[in-house]
Amino acid sequence: MSLWHIAWSYLWNRKLTTSLTILSVGLAVGLISSVLTLRDETRKRFEEEGQSYDIVMGAKGSPLQLVLSSLYFMDVPTGNILYSDYLHLRGADLAVETATDTEITATIPAGTLLDQEPLLLKVVNADAGQTGSRFDLFSSHYDGPAQALNEKMPVQIASVAPSQLPKGTTSEAIRLTIRGRGFGASPRVVIGGHEDVANAFPIGMGDSFQKFRIIGTVRGLFEHVWIDPVSGRERRPFQLAEGRIFERTREAVVGSTVAKQTGLEVGETFVGTHGYIELPEGTGHVHSDFVYEVVGILKPSGTPNDRAIFCTLDSVWDVHGLKHGAGYDSQHGGHGDAHAAEVHEHEHAEHADGHEHHAHGEGEEYEGEHEHAAADEHGHEHHHGEEAGGPPEVTAVLVSLESPTLRFQFKEYVNDEMNAMAAIPVNQVAKLYDQLLATAKAVLLAVGYLVVVISALSILIGLYLSIIQRKRDMAIMRALGASAYEIFGAVIIEAFWVTVLGIVSGWLIGGLVTVALGMYLVREYGLSIMPFTLTPEELSAFSAVAIVGLVAGLLPAWQAYRTDVARDLAEL
């Protein structure tokens, strides 16, 4: 019979003591495992969602608050910014009349202000979701051959006629002919906008339904696709499970968690409540005269989108009696062919009230009164100048840049040149974890390792008492030919079995705890986490526990090694 089998048999001859010792080790390992898993997985989910957009632009205030409220729907917004600020970044959509893969005819609406220099033209292949080369309409005329296609820039603009446009307000609509290649069958043409901005999506907030936020936005947001830099996989967080995307005012698309918890189905209606929290029945301001109809339900995505209700921007403006953006187009938030667009450099030196405002860095708080909306402790948003004649506003703008390397440069541009604040989501999440949650993690891990030490003492005491009870058995083994080294090894093996079983049971306990907390995180924040993971840090912690357990077995093993065979046999 091998030493491993002998050690295993001795352990289970005292089932209760062995089980309690294994449980104590398992609880310690479970605490360590769950803390590390939750820390790593929640950070991954936050940073993963933070990578979906390069910049979040909103009212001046706390950049972390701006990111949490606009991207994760976990805080109240810092206020509102002008809708024209969004147009200044993104530009306006032109009316495409005809389109082939090599030629597009589009119209710049009459009355468009053409004073932004350079005045950029951009073509997006809507089928492939890819952006083409920029073309400056104020530059000299170019009618050369299209550049060779490449993987990063598959759409190429070869020429635009007329390529030289008059500066200032135009009296008539201008028809453009754009030649090149890679346009696709249904391209999107954008005029104006910032040269570093690949796409931008406005969002407007202010109301909720049963604690789920109602988010006003544009249809183009549902086409947003991005590549996860960690896994390299393509992310499409706005896929429909049933129904369709909203097309007009008072239509809504609900996230999967919203549909599950509220019971909303396609075709049903609901009304919103002013504010961001669930209020007792009969309290709060309910917009009973503004009824939404559910037209679509999103697939589960494991993102905060699962806990949101999406509608058109003009729904948010209408319910609060705000003026619409001129020529607002719910598809992309730009301008359709029925209205004139404003594409211009927006001056931000002073507000209408005459107060001068200075740019603040990302880490600074913005103090003082301003015309943007401010939220109170209940999440109610108070608009200043909500009259129908006031300028339209949005809560924030989610910006995708041409390259992530432009993030810091673009952030400084917004903070310095515009009456708004830009924050880099992934940086704010990193600060949140490094500055606020690192202490909590350290405390919990300290508690876990303290329990490990206590568990090691349990192993030591249990084995020591076992050695005292088995003195005669060990004397007989020695008399039958077992060496002192084999007795020593048998006790160490017992400590090994207890430690390994404790680590395995602790990993399972930690996984079950993670599953339970993960269900809570999905329900409350829309963040899904993966339980039963094994990270390098977790493996290091398990190794440390195994070493402590084996060390705890050394004293009992030494005691068994020093057994006096003659004396113990004489006592038989």
Protein backbone atom coordinates (compact mmCIF):
# COMPACT_ATOMS: atom_id res chain seq x y z
CA MET A 1 0.00 0.00 0.00
CA SER A 2 1.50 3.36 -1.04
CA LEU A 3 2.04 6.32 1.27
CA TRP A 4 -0.54 8.34 -0.74
CA HIS A 5 -3.21 5.71 -0.09
CA ILE A 6 -2.28 5.43 3.59
CA ALA A 7 -2.46 9.21 4.03
CA TRP A 8 -5.83 9.35 2.25
CA SER A 9 -7.22 6.55 4.45
CA TYR A 10 -6.04 8.23 7.66
CA LEU A 11 -7.69 11.53 6.63
CA TRP A 12 -11.12 10.00 6.08
CA ASN A 13 -10.97 7.96 9.25
CA ARG A 14 -11.72 11.29 10.94
CA LYS A 15 -14.27 12.68 8.44
CA LEU A 16 -15.67 15.50 10.56
CA THR A 17 -12.29 17.02 11.49
CA THR A 18 -10.98 16.68 7.94
CA SER A 19 -14.15 18.19 6.40
CA LEU A 20 -14.11 21.17 8.75
CA THR A 21 -10.42 21.81 8.03
CA ILE A 22 -11.01 21.61 4.27
CA LEU A 23 -13.99 23.97 4.63
CA SER A 24 -11.92 26.53 6.53
CA VAL A 25 -9.28 26.49 3.78
CA GLY A 26 -12.03 26.62 1.15
CA LEU A 27 -13.69 29.68 2.68
CA ALA A 28 -10.38 31.54 2.71
CA VAL A 29 -9.58 30.58 -0.88
CA GLY A 30 -13.16 31.39 -1.94
CA LEU A 31 -12.89 34.90 -0.53
CA ILE A 32 -9.57 35.49 -2.31
CA SER A 33 -10.83 33.97 -5.56
CA SER A 34 -14.08 35.96 -5.64
CA VAL A 35 -12.33 39.25 -4.82
CA LEU A 36 -9.74 38.77 -7.57
CA THR A 37 -12.29 37.56 -10.12
CA LEU A 38 -14.75 40.38 -9.43
CA ARG A 39 -11.96 42.96 -9.50
CA ASP A 40 -10.52 41.70 -12.79
CA GLU A 41 -13.81 40.99 -14.55
CA THR A 42 -15.54 44.25 -13.61
CA ARG A 43 -12.46 46.19 -14.64
CA LYS A 44 -12.40 44.35 -17.96
CA ARG A 45 -16.08 45.08 -18.57
CA PHE A 46 -15.70 48.76 -17.66
CA GLU A 47 -12.58 49.20 -19.76
CA GLU A 48 -14.08 47.21 -22.61
CA GLU A 49 -17.12 49.49 -22.74
CA GLY A 50 -14.83 52.48 -22.28
CA GLN A 51 -13.06 51.50 -25.50
CA SER A 52 -16.30 51.60 -27.50
CA TYR A 53 -15.91 55.38 -27.86
CA ASP A 54 -12.75 57.44 -27.82
CA ILE A 55 -14.25 60.56 -26.24
CA VAL A 56 -17.34 61.53 -24.25
CA MET A 57 -18.16 65.23 -24.56
CA GLY A 58 -20.56 67.00 -22.20
CA ALA A 59 -21.02 69.92 -19.87
CA LYS A 60 -18.11 71.04 -17.72
CA GLY A 61 -17.85 69.33 -14.36
CA SER A 62 -16.48 66.02 -13.15
CA PRO A 63 -15.10 63.95 -16.06
CA LEU A 64 -15.74 60.71 -14.16
CA GLN A 65 -19.35 61.73 -13.56
CA LEU A 66 -19.71 62.53 -17.25
CA VAL A 67 -18.40 59.10 -18.30
CA LEU A 68 -20.42 57.15 -15.74
CA SER A 69 -23.66 58.94 -16.60
CA SER A 70 -23.31 58.97 -20.39
CA LEU A 71 -21.65 55.62 -21.07
CA TYR A 72 -22.65 53.41 -18.14
CA PHE A 73 -25.90 55.16 -17.06
CA MET A 74 -24.73 54.99 -13.42
CA ASP A 75 -24.67 58.64 -12.36
CA VAL A 76 -26.51 61.89 -13.00
CA PRO A 77 -25.26 64.01 -15.91
CA THR A 78 -23.09 67.07 -15.40
CA GLY A 79 -25.52 69.17 -17.47
CA ASN A 80 -26.31 69.89 -21.10
CA ILE A 81 -24.41 71.26 -24.08
CA LEU A 82 -25.71 72.89 -27.24
CA TYR A 83 -26.85 70.69 -30.10
CA SER A 84 -24.83 72.94 -32.42
CA ASP A 85 -21.67 71.78 -30.60
CA TYR A 86 -22.47 68.26 -31.74
CA LEU A 87 -23.02 69.42 -35.34
CA HIS A 88 -19.75 71.32 -35.22
CA LEU A 89 -17.92 68.03 -34.53
CA ARG A 90 -19.82 65.65 -36.71
CA GLY A 91 -21.00 67.77 -39.63
CA ALA A 92 -24.25 67.41 -41.54
CA ASP A 93 -25.57 64.67 -43.80
CA LEU A 94 -26.26 65.61 -47.40
CA ALA A 95 -29.16 64.36 -49.44
CA VAL A 96 -27.84 61.61 -51.73
CA GLU A 97 -29.74 61.63 -55.03
CA THR A 98 -27.98 58.87 -56.96
CA ALA A 99 -25.15 56.57 -55.98
CA THR A 100 -23.03 53.88 -57.53
CA ASP A 101 -19.77 52.34 -56.38
CA THR A 102 -17.84 54.98 -58.35
CA GLU A 103 -20.07 58.10 -58.46
CA ILE A 104 -22.40 59.96 -56.13
CA THR A 105 -24.62 62.98 -56.70
CA ALA A 106 -25.63 64.81 -53.54
CA THR A 107 -27.06 68.22 -52.64
CA ILE A 108 -25.92 70.80 -50.12
CA PRO A 109 -29.19 72.39 -48.92
CA ALA A 110 -29.84 76.04 -49.69
CA GLY A 111 -28.90 78.39 -46.87
CA THR A 112 -26.06 76.25 -45.58
CA LEU A 113 -23.40 78.38 -43.89
CA LEU A 114 -20.07 77.48 -45.49
CA ASP A 115 -17.53 79.27 -43.31
CA GLN A 116 -15.76 76.33 -41.70
CA GLU A 117 -12.23 76.04 -43.08
CA PRO A 118 -11.21 73.57 -44.23
CA LEU A 119 -14.71 72.54 -45.34
CA LEU A 120 -14.45 68.78 -45.33
CA LEU A 121 -16.39 66.26 -47.34
CA LYS A 122 -16.54 62.64 -46.13
CA VAL A 123 -18.10 59.56 -47.71
CA VAL A 124 -19.04 56.53 -45.61
CA ASN A 125 -19.69 53.16 -47.20
CA ALA A 126 -22.80 52.30 -45.18
CA ASP A 127 -22.68 48.66 -46.26
CA ALA A 128 -19.17 48.16 -44.90
CA GLY A 129 -19.33 50.86 -42.22
CA GLN A 130 -16.06 52.32 -43.45
CA THR A 131 -14.95 55.91 -43.93
CA GLY A 132 -13.41 57.29 -47.09
CA SER A 133 -10.74 59.91 -47.59
CA ARG A 134 -11.50 63.54 -46.72
CA PHE A 135 -11.84 66.18 -49.39
CA ASP A 136 -11.46 69.90 -48.73
CA LEU A 137 -14.10 71.73 -50.78
CA PHE A 138 -12.21 75.03 -50.44
CA SER A 139 -9.03 73.56 -51.91
CA SER A 140 -7.99 73.84 -55.54
CA HIS A 141 -9.80 71.63 -58.01
CA TYR A 142 -8.42 68.12 -58.34
CA ASP A 143 -9.50 65.75 -61.07
CA GLY A 144 -6.77 63.11 -60.93
CA PRO A 145 -7.13 59.35 -60.74
CA ALA A 146 -8.43 57.66 -57.62
CA GLN A 147 -5.73 56.51 -55.24
CA ALA A 148 -5.11 52.81 -54.87
CA LEU A 149 -7.35 51.11 -52.36
CA ASN A 150 -5.91 49.78 -49.13
CA GLU A 151 -7.26 47.92 -46.14
CA LYS A 152 -7.54 50.93 -43.83
CA MET A 153 -9.05 53.34 -46.36
CA PRO A 154 -11.19 51.37 -48.83
CA VAL A 155 -13.24 54.40 -49.96
CA GLN A 156 -11.37 56.88 -52.17
CA ILE A 157 -12.61 60.29 -53.37
CA ALA A 158 -10.99 61.12 -56.69
CA SER A 159 -12.73 64.40 -57.53
CA VAL A 160 -15.66 66.61 -56.59
CA ALA A 161 -17.40 68.99 -58.97
CA PRO A 162 -17.76 71.80 -58.19
CA SER A 163 -14.80 71.50 -55.81
CA GLN A 164 -14.47 75.24 -55.05
CA LEU A 165 -17.45 76.63 -53.17
CA PRO A 166 -18.21 80.23 -52.19
CA LYS A 167 -17.64 81.07 -48.54
CA GLY A 168 -20.61 82.40 -46.65
CA THR A 169 -24.32 81.59 -46.85
CA THR A 170 -25.44 80.14 -50.18
CA SER A 171 -28.69 81.32 -51.75
CA GLU A 172 -29.29 78.14 -53.75
CA ALA A 173 -28.74 74.47 -53.16
CA ILE A 174 -25.43 73.19 -54.56
CA ARG A 175 -25.35 69.89 -56.37
CA LEU A 176 -22.13 67.91 -56.00
CA THR A 177 -20.83 65.11 -58.18
CA ILE A 178 -18.35 62.93 -56.29
CA ARG A 179 -16.20 60.46 -58.20
CA GLY A 180 -13.97 57.74 -56.83
CA ARG A 181 -14.34 54.11 -55.84
CA GLY A 182 -15.54 51.91 -53.00
CA PHE A 183 -18.65 54.02 -52.23
CA GLY A 184 -21.04 51.07 -52.07
CA ALA A 185 -24.70 51.05 -53.02
CA SER A 186 -25.98 53.27 -50.17
CA PRO A 187 -23.21 55.68 -49.13
CA ARG A 188 -23.55 58.45 -46.57
CA VAL A 189 -22.09 61.86 -47.40
CA VAL A 190 -21.17 64.28 -44.62
CA ILE A 191 -20.13 67.90 -45.03
CA GLY A 192 -18.27 69.83 -42.36
CA GLY A 193 -17.30 68.43 -38.99
CA HIS A 194 -13.97 68.09 -37.26
CA GLU A 195 -11.27 66.42 -39.30
CA ASP A 196 -10.38 63.97 -36.49
CA VAL A 197 -13.97 62.81 -35.88
CA ALA A 198 -14.96 59.57 -37.61
CA ASN A 199 -18.44 59.56 -36.07
CA ALA A 200 -20.37 61.11 -33.23
CA PHE A 201 -23.66 60.25 -31.57
CA PRO A 202 -25.67 62.70 -29.41
CA ILE A 203 -27.64 61.48 -26.41
CA GLY A 204 -30.28 63.30 -24.40
CA MET A 205 -31.47 62.28 -20.94
CA GLY A 206 -33.86 63.52 -18.32
CA ASP A 207 -36.53 60.83 -17.84
CA SER A 208 -36.79 57.22 -16.77
CA PHE A 209 -39.26 54.35 -16.63
CA GLN A 210 -39.19 52.10 -13.56
CA LYS A 211 -35.59 53.22 -12.79
CA PHE A 212 -34.45 52.51 -16.38
CA ARG A 213 -33.23 55.60 -18.22
CA ILE A 214 -34.83 56.90 -21.38
CA ILE A 215 -32.05 57.86 -23.79
CA GLY A 216 -32.74 60.12 -26.75
CA THR A 217 -30.34 59.50 -29.62
CA VAL A 218 -30.12 58.91 -33.38
CA ARG A 219 -30.66 55.81 -35.46
CA GLY A 220 -27.03 55.83 -36.51
CA LEU A 221 -26.01 54.73 -33.00
CA PHE A 222 -27.52 51.30 -33.69
CA GLU A 223 -25.07 50.85 -36.56
CA HIS A 224 -22.08 51.50 -34.31
CA VAL A 225 -19.51 48.68 -34.59
CA TRP A 226 -16.16 48.62 -32.84
CA ILE A 227 -13.26 46.23 -32.33
CA ASP A 228 -12.41 45.13 -28.81
CA PRO A 229 -8.66 45.93 -28.47
CA VAL A 230 -8.23 43.17 -25.86
CA SER A 231 -9.91 40.22 -27.57
CA GLY A 232 -9.77 41.59 -31.12
CA ARG A 233 -13.38 40.56 -31.74
CA GLU A 234 -15.98 42.74 -33.40
CA ARG A 235 -18.59 44.17 -31.06
CA ARG A 236 -22.16 44.95 -32.15
CA PRO A 237 -23.94 45.98 -28.95
CA PHE A 238 -27.18 47.15 -30.63
CA GLN A 239 -28.55 44.03 -32.31
CA LEU A 240 -32.32 43.60 -32.36
CA ALA A 241 -33.94 40.50 -30.91
CA GLU A 242 -37.32 41.48 -32.35
CA GLY A 243 -39.06 44.47 -33.86
CA ARG A 244 -37.27 47.38 -35.51
CA ILE A 245 -35.36 50.57 -34.73
CA PHE A 246 -37.40 53.68 -33.94
CA GLU A 247 -38.34 55.86 -36.90
CA ARG A 248 -40.39 58.68 -35.44
CA THR A 249 -41.20 60.54 -32.24
CA ARG A 250 -42.59 58.51 -29.32
CA GLU A 251 -41.22 55.20 -30.59
CA ALA A 252 -38.79 53.34 -28.33
CA VAL A 253 -36.36 50.44 -28.45
CA VAL A 254 -35.79 48.77 -25.06
CA GLY A 255 -32.81 46.80 -23.76
CA SER A 256 -33.12 43.11 -22.92
CA THR A 257 -33.00 43.66 -19.15
CA VAL A 258 -35.66 46.37 -19.40
CA ALA A 259 -37.96 44.06 -21.35
CA LYS A 260 -37.38 41.21 -18.89
CA GLN A 261 -37.94 43.18 -15.70
CA THR A 262 -40.78 45.43 -16.85
CA GLY A 263 -42.55 42.92 -19.08
CA LEU A 264 -42.63 45.36 -22.00
CA GLU A 265 -43.22 43.77 -25.38
CA VAL A 266 -43.27 45.08 -28.93
CA GLY A 267 -46.47 47.04 -29.46
CA GLU A 268 -47.00 47.94 -25.80
CA THR A 269 -46.92 51.51 -24.48
CA PHE A 270 -45.53 53.28 -21.41
CA VAL A 271 -44.99 56.78 -20.03
CA GLY A 272 -41.80 58.21 -18.53
CA THR A 273 -41.13 59.86 -15.19
CA HIS A 274 -38.99 62.96 -14.80
CA GLY A 275 -35.71 62.04 -13.11
CA TYR A 276 -33.37 59.07 -12.91
CA ILE A 277 -34.55 56.99 -9.96
CA GLU A 278 -37.58 54.86 -9.23
CA LEU A 279 -39.98 56.96 -7.18
CA PRO A 280 -42.87 55.72 -5.02
CA GLU A 281 -46.16 55.49 -6.87
CA GLY A 282 -47.98 58.80 -6.90
CA THR A 283 -44.83 60.88 -6.51
CA GLY A 284 -42.64 62.58 -9.07
CA HIS A 285 -43.69 64.16 -12.33
CA VAL A 286 -45.11 61.61 -14.77
CA HIS A 287 -45.38 62.63 -18.42
CA SER A 288 -48.79 61.02 -18.74
CA ASP A 289 -49.61 62.91 -21.93
CA PHE A 290 -46.49 61.64 -23.72
CA VAL A 291 -46.90 57.93 -24.47
CA TYR A 292 -44.08 55.83 -25.91
CA GLU A 293 -44.68 52.76 -28.05
CA VAL A 294 -42.19 49.87 -27.94
CA VAL A 295 -41.14 49.04 -31.50
CA GLY A 296 -38.05 46.94 -30.82
CA ILE A 297 -36.20 44.90 -28.18
CA LEU A 298 -32.41 44.50 -28.17
CA LYS A 299 -30.56 41.22 -27.80
CA PRO A 300 -28.68 40.73 -24.50
CA SER A 301 -25.23 42.27 -24.92
CA GLY A 302 -23.80 42.22 -21.40
CA THR A 303 -23.44 46.01 -21.57
CA PRO A 304 -25.24 48.98 -19.95
CA ASN A 305 -27.38 49.15 -23.12
CA ASP A 306 -29.38 46.22 -21.73
CA ARG A 307 -30.71 48.57 -19.05
CA ALA A 308 -31.63 51.51 -21.27
CA ILE A 309 -34.62 52.65 -23.32
CA PHE A 310 -33.71 54.36 -26.59
CA CYS A 311 -35.83 56.85 -28.50
CA THR A 312 -35.35 59.76 -30.90
CA LEU A 313 -33.78 63.00 -29.69
CA ASP A 314 -36.88 64.94 -30.66
CA SER A 315 -38.89 62.71 -28.27
CA VAL A 316 -36.73 64.02 -25.39
CA TRP A 317 -37.07 67.57 -26.67
CA ASP A 318 -40.85 67.30 -27.18
CA VAL A 319 -41.60 65.85 -23.75
CA HIS A 320 -39.79 68.79 -22.12
CA GLY A 321 -41.11 71.44 -24.51
CA LEU A 322 -37.70 72.14 -26.04
CA LYS A 323 -36.98 73.43 -29.51
CA HIS A 324 -35.73 70.95 -32.10
CA GLY A 325 -32.43 71.28 -33.88
CA ALA A 326 -32.88 72.95 -37.24
CA GLY A 327 -33.25 70.28 -39.88
CA TYR A 328 -32.82 67.50 -37.34
CA ASP A 329 -32.53 64.06 -38.91
CA SER A 330 -33.21 61.12 -36.59
CA GLN A 331 -31.05 58.79 -38.66
CA HIS A 332 -27.70 60.43 -37.95
CA GLY A 333 -28.57 63.58 -36.08
CA GLY A 334 -27.51 65.66 -39.06
CA HIS A 335 -29.64 67.50 -41.58
CA GLY A 336 -31.94 66.04 -44.16
CA ASP A 337 -32.73 67.47 -47.54
CA ALA A 338 -35.85 69.26 -46.32
CA HIS A 339 -34.02 71.75 -44.14
CA ALA A 340 -30.93 73.94 -44.18
CA ALA A 341 -27.89 72.88 -42.18
CA GLU A 342 -25.63 74.98 -40.07
CA VAL A 343 -21.99 74.06 -40.56
CA HIS A 344 -19.89 76.73 -38.90
CA GLU A 345 -17.26 77.49 -36.34
CA HIS A 346 -19.12 78.01 -33.07
CA GLU A 347 -17.92 80.80 -30.80
CA HIS A 348 -17.72 79.79 -27.14
CA ALA A 349 -16.03 82.71 -25.44
CA GLU A 350 -19.16 83.97 -23.67
CA HIS A 351 -22.60 82.70 -22.74
CA ALA A 352 -25.78 84.55 -23.55
CA ASP A 353 -25.87 85.83 -20.00
CA GLY A 354 -22.59 87.65 -20.49
CA HIS A 355 -20.52 85.53 -18.14
CA GLU A 356 -17.12 84.50 -19.40
CA HIS A 357 -16.26 80.83 -19.10
CA HIS A 358 -12.82 79.33 -19.09
CA ALA A 359 -11.74 75.91 -20.23
CA HIS A 360 -11.03 73.39 -17.51
CA GLY A 361 -8.76 70.42 -17.62
CA GLU A 362 -10.12 66.91 -17.35
CA GLY A 363 -9.35 66.63 -13.68
CA GLU A 364 -10.91 69.95 -12.63
CA GLU A 365 -14.36 70.61 -11.32
CA TYR A 366 -16.46 73.28 -12.99
CA GLU A 367 -18.01 75.66 -10.49
CA GLY A 368 -20.54 78.44 -10.79
CA GLU A 369 -23.88 78.83 -12.44
CA HIS A 370 -24.32 78.15 -16.14
CA GLU A 371 -27.16 77.65 -18.56
CA HIS A 372 -26.71 73.89 -18.78
CA ALA A 373 -28.93 71.48 -16.93
CA ALA A 374 -27.97 70.50 -13.41
CA ALA A 375 -29.19 67.39 -11.62
CA ASP A 376 -30.27 67.33 -7.99
CA GLU A 377 -29.85 64.48 -5.54
CA HIS A 378 -32.89 62.70 -6.93
CA GLY A 379 -31.58 62.76 -10.46
CA HIS A 380 -34.09 65.38 -11.61
CA GLU A 381 -32.66 67.51 -14.36
CA HIS A 382 -33.41 71.22 -14.24
CA HIS A 383 -33.17 72.93 -17.60
CA HIS A 384 -32.38 76.61 -17.80
CA GLY A 385 -34.17 78.17 -20.73
CA GLU A 386 -36.48 75.27 -21.60
CA GLU A 387 -38.74 77.57 -23.55
CA ALA A 388 -39.58 76.55 -27.09
CA GLY A 389 -37.48 79.45 -28.35
CA GLY A 390 -34.28 78.34 -26.59
CA PRO A 391 -31.46 76.59 -28.44
CA PRO A 392 -31.72 72.79 -28.57
CA GLU A 393 -29.44 70.91 -26.19
CA VAL A 394 -28.10 67.39 -25.68
CA THR A 395 -26.72 65.74 -22.56
CA ALA A 396 -23.54 64.35 -24.11
CA VAL A 397 -21.89 63.31 -27.36
CA LEU A 398 -20.18 59.93 -27.84
CA VAL A 399 -17.28 60.44 -30.23
CA SER A 400 -15.27 57.95 -32.31
CA LEU A 401 -12.04 59.38 -33.70
CA GLU A 402 -10.14 58.47 -36.84
CA SER A 403 -7.42 57.01 -34.58
CA PRO A 404 -7.18 56.34 -30.82
CA THR A 405 -3.84 58.17 -30.85
CA LEU A 406 -5.77 61.43 -31.31
CA ARG A 407 -7.60 61.16 -27.98
CA PHE A 408 -5.45 63.51 -25.91
CA GLN A 409 -5.09 66.05 -28.69
CA PHE A 410 -8.85 66.10 -29.31
CA LYS A 411 -9.63 66.30 -25.60
CA GLU A 412 -7.48 69.39 -25.27
CA TYR A 413 -9.16 70.92 -28.33
CA VAL A 414 -12.63 70.53 -26.82
CA ASN A 415 -11.60 71.72 -23.35
CA ASP A 416 -9.77 74.77 -24.71
CA GLU A 417 -11.85 75.81 -27.71
CA MET A 418 -15.42 74.84 -26.86
CA ASN A 419 -17.81 75.53 -24.03
CA ALA A 420 -17.82 71.85 -23.15
CA MET A 421 -15.66 69.19 -21.54
CA ALA A 422 -14.14 66.09 -23.10
CA ALA A 423 -13.20 62.96 -21.17
CA ILE A 424 -11.43 59.79 -22.29
CA PRO A 425 -13.60 56.94 -20.90
CA VAL A 426 -10.88 54.28 -20.57
CA ASN A 427 -8.64 56.69 -18.63
CA GLN A 428 -11.43 57.63 -16.23
CA VAL A 429 -12.20 53.95 -15.56
CA ALA A 430 -8.51 53.30 -14.83
CA LYS A 431 -8.47 56.20 -12.36
CA LEU A 432 -11.64 54.90 -10.72
CA TYR A 433 -10.04 51.52 -10.06
CA ASP A 434 -6.58 52.75 -9.19
CA GLN A 435 -7.63 55.56 -6.83
CA LEU A 436 -10.95 54.47 -5.33
CA LEU A 437 -11.21 50.68 -5.53
CA ALA A 438 -7.59 49.69 -4.95
CA THR A 439 -7.95 50.22 -1.18
CA ALA A 440 -11.12 48.11 -0.99
CA LYS A 441 -9.40 45.31 -2.91
CA ALA A 442 -6.35 45.45 -0.60
CA VAL A 443 -8.55 45.25 2.52
CA LEU A 444 -10.54 42.26 1.22
CA LEU A 445 -7.39 40.43 0.16
CA ALA A 446 -5.85 41.10 3.57
CA VAL A 447 -8.91 39.53 5.20
CA GLY A 448 -8.63 36.57 2.82
CA TYR A 449 -4.99 35.91 3.63
CA LEU A 450 -5.72 36.29 7.35
CA VAL A 451 -8.28 33.52 7.00
CA VAL A 452 -5.62 31.48 5.17
CA VAL A 453 -3.32 31.81 8.18
CA ILE A 454 -6.16 30.72 10.48
CA SER A 455 -6.82 27.78 8.15
CA ALA A 456 -3.15 26.84 8.29
CA LEU A 457 -3.39 26.76 12.07
CA SER A 458 -6.40 24.47 11.69
CA ILE A 459 -4.34 22.13 9.51
CA LEU A 460 -1.49 22.19 12.02
CA ILE A 461 -3.71 21.52 15.03
CA GLY A 462 -5.72 18.81 13.28
CA LEU A 463 -2.65 16.91 12.11
CA TYR A 464 -0.84 17.36 15.44
CA LEU A 465 -3.75 15.87 17.38
CA SER A 466 -3.97 13.12 14.79
CA ILE A 467 -0.31 12.22 15.31
CA ILE A 468 -0.84 11.96 19.07
CA GLN A 469 -3.84 9.65 18.53
CA ARG A 470 -1.92 7.49 16.02
CA LYS A 471 1.31 6.99 17.96
CA ARG A 472 0.72 3.23 18.23
CA ASP A 473 -0.15 2.91 14.51
CA MET A 474 3.05 4.65 13.56
CA ALA A 475 5.07 2.49 15.93
CA ILE A 476 3.64 -0.64 14.27
CA MET A 477 4.48 0.79 10.80
CA ARG A 478 8.06 1.40 11.95
CA ALA A 479 8.25 -2.12 13.35
CA LEU A 480 7.06 -3.52 10.02
CA GLY A 481 9.88 -1.75 8.18
CA ALA A 482 8.66 1.79 7.46
CA SER A 483 11.43 4.35 7.81
CA ALA A 484 11.18 7.62 9.71
CA TYR A 485 11.36 9.48 6.37
CA GLU A 486 8.31 7.56 5.11
CA ILE A 487 6.35 8.47 8.26
CA PHE A 488 7.38 12.09 7.79
CA GLY A 489 6.27 11.97 4.12
CA ALA A 490 2.91 10.40 4.97
CA VAL A 491 2.02 13.32 7.27
CA ILE A 492 3.15 15.88 4.68
CA ILE A 493 0.95 14.11 2.13
CA GLU A 494 -2.01 14.43 4.52
CA ALA A 495 -1.37 18.19 4.72
CA PHE A 496 -1.11 18.27 0.93
CA TRP A 497 -4.48 16.53 0.47
CA VAL A 498 -6.23 18.86 2.90
CA THR A 499 -4.72 21.95 1.24
CA VAL A 500 -5.45 20.84 -2.34
CA LEU A 501 -9.04 19.88 -1.53
CA GLY A 502 -9.45 23.20 0.28
CA ILE A 503 -8.14 25.14 -2.75
CA VAL A 504 -10.42 23.27 -5.17
CA SER A 505 -13.48 23.72 -2.96
CA GLY A 506 -12.54 27.37 -2.42
CA TRP A 507 -12.29 27.97 -6.17
CA LEU A 508 -15.77 26.48 -6.56
CA ILE A 509 -17.13 28.57 -3.68
CA GLY A 510 -15.56 31.69 -5.17
CA GLY A 511 -17.08 30.88 -8.56
CA LEU A 512 -20.55 30.45 -7.05
CA VAL A 513 -20.20 33.76 -5.19
CA THR A 514 -19.12 35.40 -8.43
CA VAL A 515 -22.15 33.96 -10.24
CA ALA A 516 -24.50 35.37 -7.59
CA LEU A 517 -22.84 38.80 -7.60
CA GLY A 518 -22.68 38.70 -11.40
CA MET A 519 -26.45 38.31 -11.58
CA TYR A 520 -26.76 41.40 -9.39
CA LEU A 521 -24.33 43.39 -11.57
CA VAL A 522 -26.21 42.43 -14.73
CA ARG A 523 -29.53 43.42 -13.18
CA GLU A 524 -28.36 46.70 -11.67
CA TYR A 525 -25.62 47.89 -14.05
CA GLY A 526 -25.84 45.74 -17.18
CA LEU A 527 -22.29 44.40 -16.72
CA SER A 528 -21.81 40.67 -17.27
CA ILE A 529 -18.81 38.93 -15.72
CA MET A 530 -17.27 35.52 -16.34
CA PRO A 531 -17.07 33.26 -13.23
CA PHE A 532 -14.66 30.35 -12.73
CA THR A 533 -11.73 32.08 -14.39
CA LEU A 534 -8.07 31.41 -13.59
CA THR A 535 -5.86 34.46 -13.86
CA PRO A 536 -2.09 34.56 -13.16
CA GLU A 537 -2.77 36.53 -9.99
CA GLU A 538 -5.29 33.91 -8.84
CA LEU A 539 -2.86 31.07 -9.53
CA SER A 540 -0.20 32.92 -7.53
CA ALA A 541 -2.62 33.25 -4.61
CA PHE A 542 -3.48 29.54 -4.77
CA SER A 543 0.23 28.67 -4.81
CA ALA A 544 0.76 30.80 -1.72
CA VAL A 545 -2.09 28.98 0.05
CA ALA A 546 -0.61 25.60 -0.93
CA ILE A 547 2.80 26.56 0.47
CA VAL A 548 1.24 27.78 3.72
CA GLY A 549 -0.71 24.51 4.02
CA LEU A 550 2.40 22.37 3.50
CA VAL A 551 4.38 24.46 5.98
CA ALA A 552 1.59 23.90 8.49
CA GLY A 553 2.16 20.16 8.14
CA LEU A 554 5.88 20.33 8.96
CA LEU A 555 5.50 20.41 12.77
CA PRO A 556 3.19 17.39 12.97
CA ALA A 557 5.39 15.56 10.44
CA TRP A 558 8.48 16.29 12.54
CA GLN A 559 6.65 15.05 15.61
CA ALA A 560 5.85 11.79 13.79
CA TYR A 561 9.44 11.53 12.54
CA ARG A 562 10.74 11.69 16.14
CA THR A 563 8.49 8.84 17.29
CA ASP A 564 10.15 6.53 19.90
CA VAL A 565 9.29 3.12 18.46
CA ALA A 566 10.32 1.04 21.51
CA ARG A 567 8.37 3.19 23.96
CA ASP A 568 5.24 3.30 21.83
CA LEU A 569 5.33 -0.48 21.27
CA ALA A 570 5.79 -1.06 24.99
CA GLU A 571 2.54 0.75 25.63
CA LEU A 572 0.57 -1.69 23.45
